PDB file of N, CA and C in Angstrom:
ATOM      1  N   MET A   1      27.801  10.792-114.095  1.00  0.00           N
ATOM      2  CA  MET A   1      25.966   9.997-114.054  1.00  0.00           C
ATOM      3  C   MET A   1      25.613  11.198-112.816  1.00  0.00           C
ATOM      4  N   THR A   2      24.223  11.229-113.699  1.00  0.00           N
ATOM      5  CA  THR A   2      23.606  12.138-112.723  1.00  0.00           C
ATOM      6  C   THR A   2      22.765  11.769-111.702  1.00  0.00           C
ATOM      7  N   LEU A   3      22.381  12.049-110.540  1.00  0.00           N
ATOM      8  CA  LEU A   3      22.032  11.287-109.660  1.00  0.00           C
ATOM      9  C   LEU A   3      20.137  12.165-109.474  1.00  0.00           C
ATOM     10  N   ASN A   4      19.673  10.894-109.385  1.00  0.00           N
ATOM     11  CA  ASN A   4      17.828  11.271-109.518  1.00  0.00           C
ATOM     12  C   ASN A   4      17.312  11.445-108.360  1.00  0.00           C
ATOM     13  N   ASN A   5      16.085  12.065-107.973  1.00  0.00           N
ATOM     14  CA  ASN A   5      15.652  11.666-106.846  1.00  0.00           C
ATOM     15  C   ASN A   5      16.175  10.984-105.643  1.00  0.00           C
ATOM     16  N   ASN A   6      15.700   9.746-106.160  1.00  0.00           N
ATOM     17  CA  ASN A   6      15.646   8.534-105.644  1.00  0.00           C
ATOM     18  C   ASN A   6      17.233   8.446-105.060  1.00  0.00           C
ATOM     19  N   HIS A   7      18.256   8.509-105.617  1.00  0.00           N
ATOM     20  CA  HIS A   7      19.614   8.559-105.220  1.00  0.00           C
ATOM     21  C   HIS A   7      19.852   9.624-103.751  1.00  0.00           C
ATOM     22  N   LEU A   8      19.790  10.874-104.475  1.00  0.00           N
ATOM     23  CA  LEU A   8      19.645  11.865-103.378  1.00  0.00           C
ATOM     24  C   LEU A   8      18.928  11.798-102.207  1.00  0.00           C
ATOM     25  N   LEU A   9      17.535  11.107-101.960  1.00  0.00           N
ATOM     26  CA  LEU A   9      17.242  10.401-100.939  1.00  0.00           C
ATOM     27  C   LEU A   9      17.871   9.465-100.265  1.00  0.00           C
ATOM     28  N   SER A  10      18.377   8.695-100.957  1.00  0.00           N
ATOM     29  CA  SER A  10      19.365   7.430-100.492  1.00  0.00           C
ATOM     30  C   SER A  10      20.712   8.142 -99.543  1.00  0.00           C
ATOM     31  N   LEU A  11      21.087   9.269-100.345  1.00  0.00           N
ATOM     32  CA  LEU A  11      22.342   9.707 -99.467  1.00  0.00           C
ATOM     33  C   LEU A  11      22.098  10.962 -98.562  1.00  0.00           C
ATOM     34  N   LEU A  12      20.220  11.222 -98.464  1.00  0.00           N
ATOM     35  CA  LEU A  12      20.370  12.392 -97.725  1.00  0.00           C
ATOM     36  C   LEU A  12      19.960  11.003 -96.255  1.00  0.00           C
ATOM     37  N   HIS A  13      19.249  10.627 -96.410  1.00  0.00           N
ATOM     38  CA  HIS A  13      19.148   8.887 -95.587  1.00  0.00           C
ATOM     39  C   HIS A  13      20.448   8.508 -94.714  1.00  0.00           C
ATOM     40  N   ASP A  14      21.376   8.050 -95.912  1.00  0.00           N
ATOM     41  CA  ASP A  14      22.243   7.379 -95.271  1.00  0.00           C
ATOM     42  C   ASP A  14      23.282   8.510 -94.082  1.00  0.00           C
ATOM     43  N   ILE A  15      23.248  10.117 -94.323  1.00  0.00           N
ATOM     44  CA  ILE A  15      23.748  10.991 -94.284  1.00  0.00           C
ATOM     45  C   ILE A  15      22.979  11.293 -92.611  1.00  0.00           C
ATOM     46  N   LEU A  16      21.822  11.154 -92.521  1.00  0.00           N
ATOM     47  CA  LEU A  16      20.672  10.976 -91.605  1.00  0.00           C
ATOM     48  C   LEU A  16      20.956  10.188 -90.341  1.00  0.00           C
ATOM     49  N   ASP A  17      21.055   9.336 -90.551  1.00  0.00           N
ATOM     50  CA  ASP A  17      21.251   7.837 -90.180  1.00  0.00           C
ATOM     51  C   ASP A  17      22.348   7.433 -89.626  1.00  0.00           C
ATOM     52  N   GLU A  18      23.532   8.025 -89.921  1.00  0.00           N
ATOM     53  CA  GLU A  18      24.719   7.742 -89.531  1.00  0.00           C
ATOM     54  C   GLU A  18      25.015   8.642 -88.390  1.00  0.00           C
ATOM     55  N   GLN A  19      24.259  10.291 -88.383  1.00  0.00           N
ATOM     56  CA  GLN A  19      23.772  11.375 -87.486  1.00  0.00           C
ATOM     57  C   GLN A  19      23.576  10.544 -86.021  1.00  0.00           C
ATOM     58  N   SER A  20      22.327   9.989 -86.598  1.00  0.00           N
ATOM     59  CA  SER A  20      21.719   9.866 -85.337  1.00  0.00           C
ATOM     60  C   SER A  20      22.251   7.976 -84.717  1.00  0.00           C
ATOM     61  N   VAL A  21      23.217   7.657 -85.841  1.00  0.00           N
ATOM     62  CA  VAL A  21      23.510   6.273 -84.783  1.00  0.00           C
ATOM     63  C   VAL A  21      25.014   6.415 -84.185  1.00  0.00           C
ATOM     64  N   GLY A  22      25.529   7.496 -84.115  1.00  0.00           N
ATOM     65  CA  GLY A  22      26.748   7.697 -84.169  1.00  0.00           C
ATOM     66  C   GLY A  22      26.875   9.211 -83.313  1.00  0.00           C
ATOM     67  N   CYS A  23      25.867   9.562 -83.449  1.00  0.00           N
ATOM     68  CA  CYS A  23      25.259  10.769 -82.737  1.00  0.00           C
ATOM     69  C   CYS A  23      27.025  11.995 -82.816  1.00  0.00           C
ATOM     70  N   CYS A  24      27.218  12.031 -83.974  1.00  0.00           N
ATOM     71  CA  CYS A  24      28.263  13.143 -84.565  1.00  0.00           C
ATOM     72  C   CYS A  24      28.431  13.104 -85.733  1.00  0.00           C
ATOM     73  N   GLY A  25      28.781  14.630 -86.098  1.00  0.00           N
ATOM     74  CA  GLY A  25      29.026  14.996 -87.681  1.00  0.00           C
ATOM     75  C   GLY A  25      29.736  15.626 -87.982  1.00  0.00           C
ATOM     76  N   GLN A  26      30.235  16.093 -88.887  1.00  0.00           N
ATOM     77  CA  GLN A  26      30.988  17.149 -89.226  1.00  0.00           C
ATOM     78  C   GLN A  26      30.445  18.496 -90.017  1.00  0.00           C
ATOM     79  N   VAL A  27      31.106  19.149 -89.973  1.00  0.00           N
ATOM     80  CA  VAL A  27      30.142  20.327 -91.066  1.00  0.00           C
ATOM     81  C   VAL A  27      29.976  20.696 -92.089  1.00  0.00           C
ATOM     82  N   SER A  28      31.068  19.833 -92.827  1.00  0.00           N
ATOM     83  CA  SER A  28      30.659  19.328 -94.285  1.00  0.00           C
ATOM     84  C   SER A  28      29.524  18.527 -94.406  1.00  0.00           C
ATOM     85  N   GLU A  29      28.924  17.399 -93.511  1.00  0.00           N
ATOM     86  CA  GLU A  29      28.059  16.970 -93.708  1.00  0.00           C
ATOM     87  C   GLU A  29      27.062  17.801 -93.960  1.00  0.00           C
ATOM     88  N   TYR A  30      26.691  18.432 -92.539  1.00  0.00           N
ATOM     89  CA  TYR A  30      25.644  19.559 -92.930  1.00  0.00           C
ATOM     90  C   TYR A  30      25.139  20.723 -94.000  1.00  0.00           C
ATOM     91  N   GLN A  31      26.649  21.107 -94.833  1.00  0.00           N
ATOM     92  CA  GLN A  31      27.002  21.583 -96.026  1.00  0.00           C
ATOM     93  C   GLN A  31      26.102  20.641 -96.898  1.00  0.00           C
ATOM     94  N   GLN A  32      26.417  19.741 -96.903  1.00  0.00           N
ATOM     95  CA  GLN A  32      25.693  18.555 -97.946  1.00  0.00           C
ATOM     96  C   GLN A  32      24.321  18.103 -97.590  1.00  0.00           C
ATOM     97  N   ILE A  33      24.432  18.529 -96.378  1.00  0.00           N
ATOM     98  CA  ILE A  33      22.266  18.039 -96.538  1.00  0.00           C
ATOM     99  C   ILE A  33      21.824  19.045 -96.993  1.00  0.00           C
ATOM    100  N   LYS A  34      22.317  20.380 -96.449  1.00  0.00           N
ATOM    101  CA  LYS A  34      21.797  21.797 -97.201  1.00  0.00           C
ATOM    102  C   LYS A  34      21.777  21.595 -98.761  1.00  0.00           C
ATOM    103  N   ARG A  35      23.133  21.315 -99.603  1.00  0.00           N
ATOM    104  CA  ARG A  35      23.093  20.875-101.187  1.00  0.00           C
ATOM    105  C   ARG A  35      22.056  20.203-101.122  1.00  0.00           C
ATOM    106  N   LEU A  36      22.039  19.175-100.740  1.00  0.00           N
ATOM    107  CA  LEU A  36      20.971  17.448-101.168  1.00  0.00           C
ATOM    108  C   LEU A  36      19.365  18.093-101.723  1.00  0.00           C
ATOM    109  N   VAL A  37      19.077  18.900 -99.874  1.00  0.00           N
ATOM    110  CA  VAL A  37      17.702  19.480 -99.687  1.00  0.00           C
ATOM    111  C   VAL A  37      17.212  20.556-100.229  1.00  0.00           C
ATOM    112  N   LYS A  38      18.341  21.303-100.986  1.00  0.00           N
ATOM    113  CA  LYS A  38      18.300  22.383-102.049  1.00  0.00           C
ATOM    114  C   LYS A  38      18.005  21.843-103.414  1.00  0.00           C
ATOM    115  N   ASN A  39      18.267  21.000-103.764  1.00  0.00           N
ATOM    116  CA  ASN A  39      18.004  20.485-105.010  1.00  0.00           C
ATOM    117  C   ASN A  39      16.986  19.957-105.152  1.00  0.00           C
ATOM    118  N   MET A  40      16.774  18.948-104.413  1.00  0.00           N
ATOM    119  CA  MET A  40      15.460  18.679-104.510  1.00  0.00           C
ATOM    120  C   MET A  40      14.130  19.700-104.449  1.00  0.00           C
ATOM    121  N   MET A  41      14.610  20.491-103.123  1.00  0.00           N
ATOM    122  CA  MET A  41      13.151  21.666-103.153  1.00  0.00           C
ATOM    123  C   MET A  41      13.554  22.605-104.437  1.00  0.00           C
ATOM    124  N   ALA A  42      14.347  22.386-105.439  1.00  0.00           N
ATOM    125  CA  ALA A  42      14.192  22.848-106.973  1.00  0.00           C
ATOM    126  C   ALA A  42      13.889  22.244-107.357  1.00  0.00           C
ATOM    127  N   ASP A  43      14.071  20.710-107.486  1.00  0.00           N
ATOM    128  CA  ASP A  43      13.072  20.173-108.379  1.00  0.00           C
ATOM    129  C   ASP A  43      11.370  19.911-108.516  1.00  0.00           C
ATOM    130  N   ASN A  44      11.157  20.573-109.417  1.00  0.00           N
ATOM    131  CA  ASN A  44       9.699  20.570-109.554  1.00  0.00           C
ATOM    132  C   ASN A  44       8.745  19.213-109.596  1.00  0.00           C
ATOM    133  N   SER A  45       9.456  18.096-109.862  1.00  0.00           N
ATOM    134  CA  SER A  45       8.853  17.029-110.052  1.00  0.00           C
ATOM    135  C   SER A  45       8.484  16.033-109.366  1.00  0.00           C
ATOM    136  N   ILE A  46       8.712  16.597-108.080  1.00  0.00           N
ATOM    137  CA  ILE A  46       8.521  16.214-106.455  1.00  0.00           C
ATOM    138  C   ILE A  46       6.996  16.350-106.151  1.00  0.00           C
ATOM    139  N   SER A  47       6.937  14.915-106.285  1.00  0.00           N
ATOM    140  CA  SER A  47       5.113  15.199-106.274  1.00  0.00           C
ATOM    141  C   SER A  47       4.413  14.867-104.549  1.00  0.00           C
ATOM    142  N   ASP A  48       5.511  14.301-103.795  1.00  0.00           N
ATOM    143  CA  ASP A  48       5.470  13.702-103.012  1.00  0.00           C
ATOM    144  C   ASP A  48       5.058  14.833-102.071  1.00  0.00           C
ATOM    145  N   HIS A  49       3.700  14.589-100.928  1.00  0.00           N
ATOM    146  CA  HIS A  49       3.446  15.929 -99.890  1.00  0.00           C
ATOM    147  C   HIS A  49       4.099  15.926 -98.724  1.00  0.00           C
ATOM    148  N   GLU A  50       4.589  14.847 -97.885  1.00  0.00           N
ATOM    149  CA  GLU A  50       4.660  14.438 -97.116  1.00  0.00           C
ATOM    150  C   GLU A  50       6.546  14.915 -97.121  1.00  0.00           C
ATOM    151  N   LEU A  51       6.543  14.643 -98.562  1.00  0.00           N
ATOM    152  CA  LEU A  51       8.775  14.591 -98.734  1.00  0.00           C
ATOM    153  C   LEU A  51       8.578  16.310 -98.537  1.00  0.00           C
ATOM    154  N   LYS A  52       7.536  17.162 -99.323  1.00  0.00           N
ATOM    155  CA  LYS A  52       7.891  18.234 -99.592  1.00  0.00           C
ATOM    156  C   LYS A  52       7.963  19.226 -98.185  1.00  0.00           C
ATOM    157  N   GLN A  53       6.610  18.658 -97.331  1.00  0.00           N
ATOM    158  CA  GLN A  53       7.011  19.298 -95.877  1.00  0.00           C
ATOM    159  C   GLN A  53       8.374  18.578 -95.246  1.00  0.00           C
ATOM    160  N   ILE A  54       8.693  17.833 -95.535  1.00  0.00           N
ATOM    161  CA  ILE A  54       9.836  17.313 -94.039  1.00  0.00           C
ATOM    162  C   ILE A  54      11.251  18.361 -94.929  1.00  0.00           C
ATOM    163  N   LEU A  55      10.998  18.349 -96.294  1.00  0.00           N
ATOM    164  CA  LEU A  55      12.184  19.117 -97.012  1.00  0.00           C
ATOM    165  C   LEU A  55      13.080  20.262 -96.340  1.00  0.00           C
ATOM    166  N   PRO A  56      12.028  21.058 -96.267  1.00  0.00           N
ATOM    167  CA  PRO A  56      12.860  22.784 -95.465  1.00  0.00           C
ATOM    168  C   PRO A  56      12.961  22.242 -94.074  1.00  0.00           C
ATOM    169  N   GLU A  57      12.285  21.439 -93.402  1.00  0.00           N
ATOM    170  CA  GLU A  57      12.553  21.190 -92.055  1.00  0.00           C
ATOM    171  C   GLU A  57      13.950  20.716 -92.027  1.00  0.00           C
ATOM    172  N   ILE A  58      14.523  19.836 -92.767  1.00  0.00           N
ATOM    173  CA  ILE A  58      15.811  19.095 -92.694  1.00  0.00           C
ATOM    174  C   ILE A  58      17.098  19.909 -93.207  1.00  0.00           C
ATOM    175  N   TYR A  59      16.381  20.641 -94.084  1.00  0.00           N
ATOM    176  CA  TYR A  59      17.020  21.695 -94.656  1.00  0.00           C
ATOM    177  C   TYR A  59      17.563  22.834 -93.459  1.00  0.00           C
ATOM    178  N   GLN A  60      17.030  23.209 -92.410  1.00  0.00           N
ATOM    179  CA  GLN A  60      17.190  23.973 -91.505  1.00  0.00           C
ATOM    180  C   GLN A  60      17.994  23.717 -90.519  1.00  0.00           C
ATOM    181  N   TYR A  61      17.804  22.410 -90.370  1.00  0.00           N
ATOM    182  CA  TYR A  61      18.523  21.497 -89.344  1.00  0.00           C
ATOM    183  C   TYR A  61      19.864  21.151 -89.508  1.00  0.00           C
ATOM    184  N   GLY A  62      20.072  21.029 -90.536  1.00  0.00           N
ATOM    185  CA  GLY A  62      21.263  21.389 -91.622  1.00  0.00           C
ATOM    186  C   GLY A  62      21.889  22.399 -91.582  1.00  0.00           C
ATOM    187  N   ARG A  63      21.172  23.667 -91.609  1.00  0.00           N
ATOM    188  CA  ARG A  63      21.447  25.130 -91.188  1.00  0.00           C
ATOM    189  C   ARG A  63      22.177  25.231 -89.470  1.00  0.00           C
ATOM    190  N   GLN A  64      21.369  24.615 -89.099  1.00  0.00           N
ATOM    191  CA  GLN A  64      21.380  24.986 -87.369  1.00  0.00           C
ATOM    192  C   GLN A  64      23.030  24.071 -87.206  1.00  0.00           C
ATOM    193  N   GLY A  65      23.032  23.002 -87.931  1.00  0.00           N
ATOM    194  CA  GLY A  65      24.539  22.076 -87.599  1.00  0.00           C
ATOM    195  C   GLY A  65      25.532  22.439 -87.973  1.00  0.00           C
ATOM    196  N   GLU A  66      25.375  23.160 -88.936  1.00  0.00           N
ATOM    197  CA  GLU A  66      26.740  23.847 -89.718  1.00  0.00           C
ATOM    198  C   GLU A  66      27.294  24.972 -88.627  1.00  0.00           C
ATOM    199  N   GLY A  67      26.204  25.667 -87.974  1.00  0.00           N
ATOM    200  CA  GLY A  67      27.056  26.484 -87.654  1.00  0.00           C
ATOM    201  C   GLY A  67      26.804  26.614 -85.993  1.00  0.00           C
ATOM    202  N   THR A  68      26.047  25.188 -85.394  1.00  0.00           N
ATOM    203  CA  THR A  68      26.477  24.742 -83.739  1.00  0.00           C
ATOM    204  C   THR A  68      28.174  24.685 -83.143  1.00  0.00           C
ATOM    205  N   SER A  69      27.831  25.147 -81.716  1.00  0.00           N
ATOM    206  CA  SER A  69      29.486  24.664 -81.891  1.00  0.00           C
ATOM    207  C   SER A  69      28.660  23.684 -80.729  1.00  0.00           C
ATOM    208  N   ASN A  70      28.358  22.819 -80.608  1.00  0.00           N
ATOM    209  CA  ASN A  70      27.942  21.219 -80.188  1.00  0.00           C
ATOM    210  C   ASN A  70      27.390  20.856 -81.020  1.00  0.00           C
ATOM    211  N   ILE A  71      27.843  19.469 -81.689  1.00  0.00           N
ATOM    212  CA  ILE A  71      26.570  18.992 -82.801  1.00  0.00           C
ATOM    213  C   ILE A  71      26.411  18.247 -82.139  1.00  0.00           C
ATOM    214  N   GLU A  72      27.104  17.619 -80.975  1.00  0.00           N
ATOM    215  CA  GLU A  72      26.265  16.032 -80.216  1.00  0.00           C
ATOM    216  C   GLU A  72      24.706  16.670 -79.841  1.00  0.00           C
ATOM    217  N   ASP A  73      24.727  17.890 -79.270  1.00  0.00           N
ATOM    218  CA  ASP A  73      23.577  18.267 -78.197  1.00  0.00           C
ATOM    219  C   ASP A  73      22.562  18.559 -79.585  1.00  0.00           C
ATOM    220  N   HIS A  74      23.187  19.114 -80.784  1.00  0.00           N
ATOM    221  CA  HIS A  74      22.446  19.215 -81.454  1.00  0.00           C
ATOM    222  C   HIS A  74      21.746  17.800 -81.951  1.00  0.00           C
ATOM    223  N   ILE A  75      22.517  17.001 -82.406  1.00  0.00           N
ATOM    224  CA  ILE A  75      21.820  15.650 -83.128  1.00  0.00           C
ATOM    225  C   ILE A  75      20.952  14.834 -81.844  1.00  0.00           C
ATOM    226  N   THR A  76      21.456  15.048 -80.358  1.00  0.00           N
ATOM    227  CA  THR A  76      20.361  14.752 -79.751  1.00  0.00           C
ATOM    228  C   THR A  76      18.970  15.183 -79.375  1.00  0.00           C
ATOM    229  N   ALA A  77      19.269  17.127 -79.650  1.00  0.00           N
ATOM    230  CA  ALA A  77      17.833  17.560 -79.537  1.00  0.00           C
ATOM    231  C   ALA A  77      17.300  17.235 -80.964  1.00  0.00           C
ATOM    232  N   ASN A  78      17.434  16.832 -82.116  1.00  0.00           N
ATOM    233  CA  ASN A  78      16.387  16.598 -82.878  1.00  0.00           C
ATOM    234  C   ASN A  78      16.114  14.926 -83.064  1.00  0.00           C
ATOM    235  N   GLN A  79      16.934  13.812 -82.699  1.00  0.00           N
ATOM    236  CA  GLN A  79      16.605  12.577 -82.379  1.00  0.00           C
ATOM    237  C   GLN A  79      15.407  12.312 -82.955  1.00  0.00           C
ATOM    238  N   GLY A  80      14.531  12.492 -82.257  1.00  0.00           N
ATOM    239  CA  GLY A  80      12.753  12.160 -82.573  1.00  0.00           C
ATOM    240  C   GLY A  80      12.706  13.006 -84.036  1.00  0.00           C
ATOM    241  N   ASN A  81      12.971  14.011 -84.869  1.00  0.00           N
ATOM    242  CA  ASN A  81      13.130  14.538 -86.201  1.00  0.00           C
ATOM    243  C   ASN A  81      13.902  13.646 -86.665  1.00  0.00           C
ATOM    244  N   LEU A  82      15.366  12.998 -86.464  1.00  0.00           N
ATOM    245  CA  LEU A  82      15.952  12.136 -87.449  1.00  0.00           C
ATOM    246  C   LEU A  82      15.224  11.005 -87.830  1.00  0.00           C
ATOM    247  N   GLU A  83      14.342  10.236 -86.686  1.00  0.00           N
ATOM    248  CA  GLU A  83      14.246   8.819 -87.083  1.00  0.00           C
ATOM    249  C   GLU A  83      12.845   9.653 -87.877  1.00  0.00           C
ATOM    250  N   THR A  84      11.961  10.618 -87.501  1.00  0.00           N
ATOM    251  CA  THR A  84      10.575  10.957 -88.222  1.00  0.00           C
ATOM    252  C   THR A  84      11.415  11.466 -89.942  1.00  0.00           C
ATOM    253  N   TRP A  85      11.904  11.765 -90.227  1.00  0.00           N
ATOM    254  CA  TRP A  85      12.473  12.620 -91.519  1.00  0.00           C
ATOM    255  C   TRP A  85      13.456  10.594 -92.271  1.00  0.00           C
ATOM    256  N   MET A  86      14.047  10.236 -91.241  1.00  0.00           N
ATOM    257  CA  MET A  86      14.200   8.711 -92.040  1.00  0.00           C
ATOM    258  C   MET A  86      13.505   7.675 -92.487  1.00  0.00           C
ATOM    259  N   ASN A  87      12.118   7.656 -92.290  1.00  0.00           N
ATOM    260  CA  ASN A  87      11.052   6.749 -92.292  1.00  0.00           C
ATOM    261  C   ASN A  87      10.291   7.961 -92.970  1.00  0.00           C
ATOM    262  N   THR A  88      10.570   8.805 -93.485  1.00  0.00           N
ATOM    263  CA  THR A  88       9.507   9.172 -94.247  1.00  0.00           C
ATOM    264  C   THR A  88      10.328   9.191 -95.405  1.00  0.00           C
ATOM    265  N   ILE A  89      11.724   9.057 -95.624  1.00  0.00           N
ATOM    266  CA  ILE A  89      12.604   9.525 -96.527  1.00  0.00           C
ATOM    267  C   ILE A  89      12.476   7.702 -97.311  1.00  0.00           C
ATOM    268  N   GLN A  90      12.355   6.546 -96.043  1.00  0.00           N
ATOM    269  CA  GLN A  90      12.037   5.138 -96.649  1.00  0.00           C
ATOM    270  C   GLN A  90      11.353   4.919 -97.171  1.00  0.00           C
ATOM    271  N   GLN A  91      10.032   5.199 -96.494  1.00  0.00           N
ATOM    272  CA  GLN A  91       8.727   4.783 -97.301  1.00  0.00           C
ATOM    273  C   GLN A  91       8.882   5.744 -98.818  1.00  0.00           C
ATOM    274  N   ILE A  92       8.816   6.344 -98.803  1.00  0.00           N
ATOM    275  CA  ILE A  92       8.779   7.456-100.602  1.00  0.00           C
ATOM    276  C   ILE A  92      10.372   6.657-101.415  1.00  0.00           C
ATOM    277  N   ASN A  93      10.802   5.830-100.585  1.00  0.00           N
ATOM    278  CA  ASN A  93      12.242   5.104-101.690  1.00  0.00           C
ATOM    279  C   ASN A  93      11.591   3.862-102.033  1.00  0.00           C
ATOM    280  N   LEU A  94      10.715   3.119-101.167  1.00  0.00           N
ATOM    281  CA  LEU A  94      10.413   1.911-101.309  1.00  0.00           C
ATOM    282  C   LEU A  94       8.927   1.783-102.386  1.00  0.00           C
ATOM    283  N   GLU A  95       8.650   3.195-102.489  1.00  0.00           N
ATOM    284  CA  GLU A  95       7.215   3.261-103.728  1.00  0.00           C
ATOM    285  C   GLU A  95       7.685   3.141-104.983  1.00  0.00           C
TER     286      GLU A  95
END
């Protein structure tokens, strides 16, 4: 089964939500975030302007999280961003 952008966004939202609520994560989750975002950024069918703006930010979050020595601090420092990104993703998936 091929995942469409709505599936990818739902999966991305779930990972971000899990990290935000639990304030913990795994390197593999950050790698998954990067893969999901990279696939969506490569898809020229995405027309939502807000989504196009936040995807590079989320990719950077994943890249930094993958290399951090303190995941809890990384998540805490990005808590506001996580909330914003999740709200944006949720709004897009409702449309």
